[in-house]
Amino acid sequence: MLKCNLSKIMGEKRLKIADVARDTGINRGTITRIYNEEATRIELEVVEKLCEYLEIGVGELYEIVKE
């Protein structure tokens, strides 16, 4: 299973969804779906913007977790 760590990372950096949306230009609804792990598809451009903004690698944002 693929696990998204966006909520954890944003919590550590004390960021709100509105802050990330404003600063990155990513739609707030998209960030909310990723944050709540409800997204079924994510554009690579969005992943890249999030990683650059949060100063992390893709492997920190997403990880594979065995069920």
Protein backbone atom coordinates (compact mmCIF):
# COMPACT_ATOMS: atom_id res chain seq x y z
CA MET A 1 0.00 0.00 0.00
CA LEU A 2 1.22 3.49 -0.79
CA LYS A 3 1.18 5.84 2.20
CA CYS A 4 1.29 9.62 1.96
CA ASN A 5 3.10 11.49 4.72
CA LEU A 6 1.85 14.96 3.77
CA SER A 7 -0.22 15.46 6.93
CA LYS A 8 2.72 14.44 9.14
CA ILE A 9 5.18 16.67 7.28
CA MET A 10 2.83 19.65 7.29
CA GLY A 11 2.21 19.15 11.01
CA GLU A 12 5.93 19.12 11.74
CA LYS A 13 6.37 22.33 9.73
CA ARG A 14 3.20 23.85 11.21
CA LEU A 15 1.69 24.48 7.78
CA LYS A 16 -1.98 24.73 6.94
CA ILE A 17 -3.56 23.50 3.73
CA ALA A 18 -4.42 27.10 2.83
CA ASP A 19 -0.75 28.12 3.22
CA VAL A 20 0.47 25.36 0.93
CA ALA A 21 -2.24 26.08 -1.65
CA ARG A 22 -1.45 29.80 -1.69
CA ASP A 23 2.32 29.35 -1.85
CA THR A 24 2.40 26.57 -4.46
CA GLY A 25 -0.60 27.43 -6.64
CA ILE A 26 -1.94 23.89 -6.19
CA ASN A 27 -5.71 23.71 -5.88
CA ARG A 28 -6.82 23.56 -2.25
CA GLY A 29 -9.11 20.59 -2.97
CA THR A 30 -6.20 18.66 -4.46
CA ILE A 31 -4.05 19.27 -1.39
CA THR A 32 -6.95 18.31 0.89
CA ARG A 33 -7.42 14.98 -0.93
CA ILE A 34 -3.70 14.23 -0.76
CA TYR A 35 -3.55 15.30 2.90
CA ASN A 36 -6.46 13.02 3.82
CA GLU A 37 -5.08 10.20 1.64
CA GLU A 38 -8.23 10.20 -0.49
CA ALA A 39 -6.52 11.00 -3.80
CA THR A 40 -6.62 8.22 -6.39
CA ARG A 41 -4.51 10.00 -9.00
CA ILE A 42 -1.92 12.72 -8.58
CA GLU A 43 -0.21 14.67 -11.34
CA LEU A 44 3.58 14.41 -11.24
CA GLU A 45 3.73 18.20 -11.47
CA VAL A 46 1.81 18.40 -8.16
CA VAL A 47 4.17 15.92 -6.48
CA GLU A 48 7.15 17.89 -7.74
CA LYS A 49 5.75 21.22 -6.49
CA LEU A 50 4.98 19.76 -3.07
CA CYS A 51 8.43 18.23 -2.74
CA GLU A 52 10.15 21.46 -3.77
CA TYR A 53 8.00 23.57 -1.46
CA LEU A 54 8.46 21.26 1.52
CA GLU A 55 12.14 20.69 0.67
CA ILE A 56 11.77 16.90 0.73
CA GLY A 57 12.23 13.99 -1.64
CA VAL A 58 9.47 11.91 -3.17
CA GLY A 59 10.45 9.03 -0.88
CA GLU A 60 9.73 11.19 2.14
CA LEU A 61 6.32 12.21 0.80
CA TYR A 62 5.28 8.71 -0.24
CA GLU A 63 6.34 5.33 1.07
CA ILE A 64 5.30 1.75 0.47
CA VAL A 65 3.87 0.10 3.58
CA LYS A 66 3.22 -3.63 3.70
CA GLU A 67 -0.26 -4.46 4.93
